[in-house]
Amino acid sequence: MKVTVCIGSSCHIKGSRQVVEQLQQLVADNGLKEKVDLGGTFCMGKCQQGVCVTVDDQFYSVSPETTEEFFNNNIKAKV
């Protein structure tokens, strides 16, 4: 599963660093390092939303406050 987090300036201001750090920890804590390819990219063109995250090319809007719920519903439940 490929998970990509936008680290462009707009998403950075909205908390992309915290989202990345939380996702890294959640992937590790759940033993999914072999199944989840977590990466970063610059602007995805959806700057008006929250931090842009794609899971296998499907867009999501995430915030530091919703990262764990996002992980459970869209990553952990699907690997």
Protein backbone atom coordinates (compact mmCIF):
# COMPACT_ATOMS: atom_id res chain seq x y z
CA MET A 1 0.00 0.00 0.00
CA LYS A 2 1.41 3.38 -1.00
CA VAL A 3 0.67 6.31 1.32
CA THR A 4 1.88 9.76 0.28
CA VAL A 5 1.68 12.90 2.42
CA CYS A 6 1.97 16.39 0.95
CA ILE A 7 4.84 18.33 2.51
CA GLY A 8 4.37 21.48 0.43
CA SER A 9 4.20 24.88 2.12
CA SER A 10 0.40 25.04 2.51
CA CYS A 11 0.15 21.54 3.98
CA HIS A 12 3.23 22.17 6.13
CA ILE A 13 1.42 25.11 7.73
CA LYS A 14 -1.60 22.85 8.34
CA GLY A 15 0.50 20.26 10.19
CA SER A 16 1.91 17.84 7.61
CA ARG A 17 5.02 17.22 9.72
CA GLN A 18 2.90 16.06 12.66
CA VAL A 19 0.77 13.92 10.33
CA VAL A 20 3.90 12.26 8.90
CA GLU A 21 5.36 11.64 12.36
CA GLN A 22 2.10 10.17 13.65
CA LEU A 23 1.70 7.93 10.60
CA GLN A 24 5.30 6.70 10.95
CA GLN A 25 4.62 5.80 14.58
CA LEU A 26 1.27 4.14 13.85
CA VAL A 27 2.75 2.08 11.01
CA ALA A 28 5.58 0.94 13.28
CA ASP A 29 3.33 0.27 16.29
CA ASN A 30 1.03 -1.90 14.18
CA GLY A 31 3.83 -3.88 12.53
CA LEU A 32 2.97 -2.62 9.04
CA LYS A 33 6.40 -1.43 7.85
CA GLU A 34 6.54 -4.23 5.29
CA LYS A 35 3.05 -3.50 3.96
CA VAL A 36 2.87 0.32 3.97
CA ASP A 37 5.15 2.47 1.81
CA LEU A 38 4.98 5.91 3.46
CA GLY A 39 6.40 8.80 1.48
CA GLY A 40 6.18 12.53 0.93
CA THR A 41 5.62 14.77 -2.07
CA PHE A 42 5.22 18.44 -2.80
CA CYS A 43 1.95 20.14 -3.73
CA MET A 44 -0.89 17.88 -4.84
CA GLY A 45 -3.06 20.82 -5.92
CA LYS A 46 -5.72 20.55 -3.22
CA CYS A 47 -4.37 23.27 -0.95
CA GLN A 48 -7.76 24.50 0.29
CA GLN A 49 -8.32 21.23 2.15
CA GLY A 50 -6.35 19.96 5.11
CA VAL A 51 -3.09 18.08 4.76
CA CYS A 52 -3.41 16.13 1.51
CA VAL A 53 -2.75 12.41 1.81
CA THR A 54 -3.17 9.75 -0.84
CA VAL A 55 -3.66 6.05 -0.21
CA ASP A 56 -3.09 4.16 -3.45
CA ASP A 57 -3.93 7.38 -5.40
CA GLN A 58 -7.17 8.15 -3.53
CA PHE A 59 -7.17 11.64 -1.94
CA TYR A 60 -7.93 12.34 1.71
CA SER A 61 -7.80 15.48 3.81
CA VAL A 62 -6.15 14.86 7.18
CA SER A 63 -5.18 16.99 10.17
CA PRO A 64 -2.93 16.19 13.11
CA GLU A 65 -6.12 15.73 15.16
CA THR A 66 -7.65 13.20 12.75
CA THR A 67 -4.53 11.21 11.83
CA GLU A 68 -5.17 8.23 14.08
CA GLU A 69 -8.79 7.87 12.94
CA PHE A 70 -7.65 8.22 9.31
CA PHE A 71 -4.99 5.54 9.85
CA ASN A 72 -7.44 3.10 11.44
CA ASN A 73 -10.13 3.59 8.77
CA ASN A 74 -8.08 3.97 5.60
CA ILE A 75 -4.78 2.17 6.17
CA LYS A 76 -4.99 -0.42 8.95
CA ALA A 77 -8.42 -1.66 7.88
CA LYS A 78 -7.27 -2.16 4.28
CA VAL A 79 -3.89 -3.92 4.57
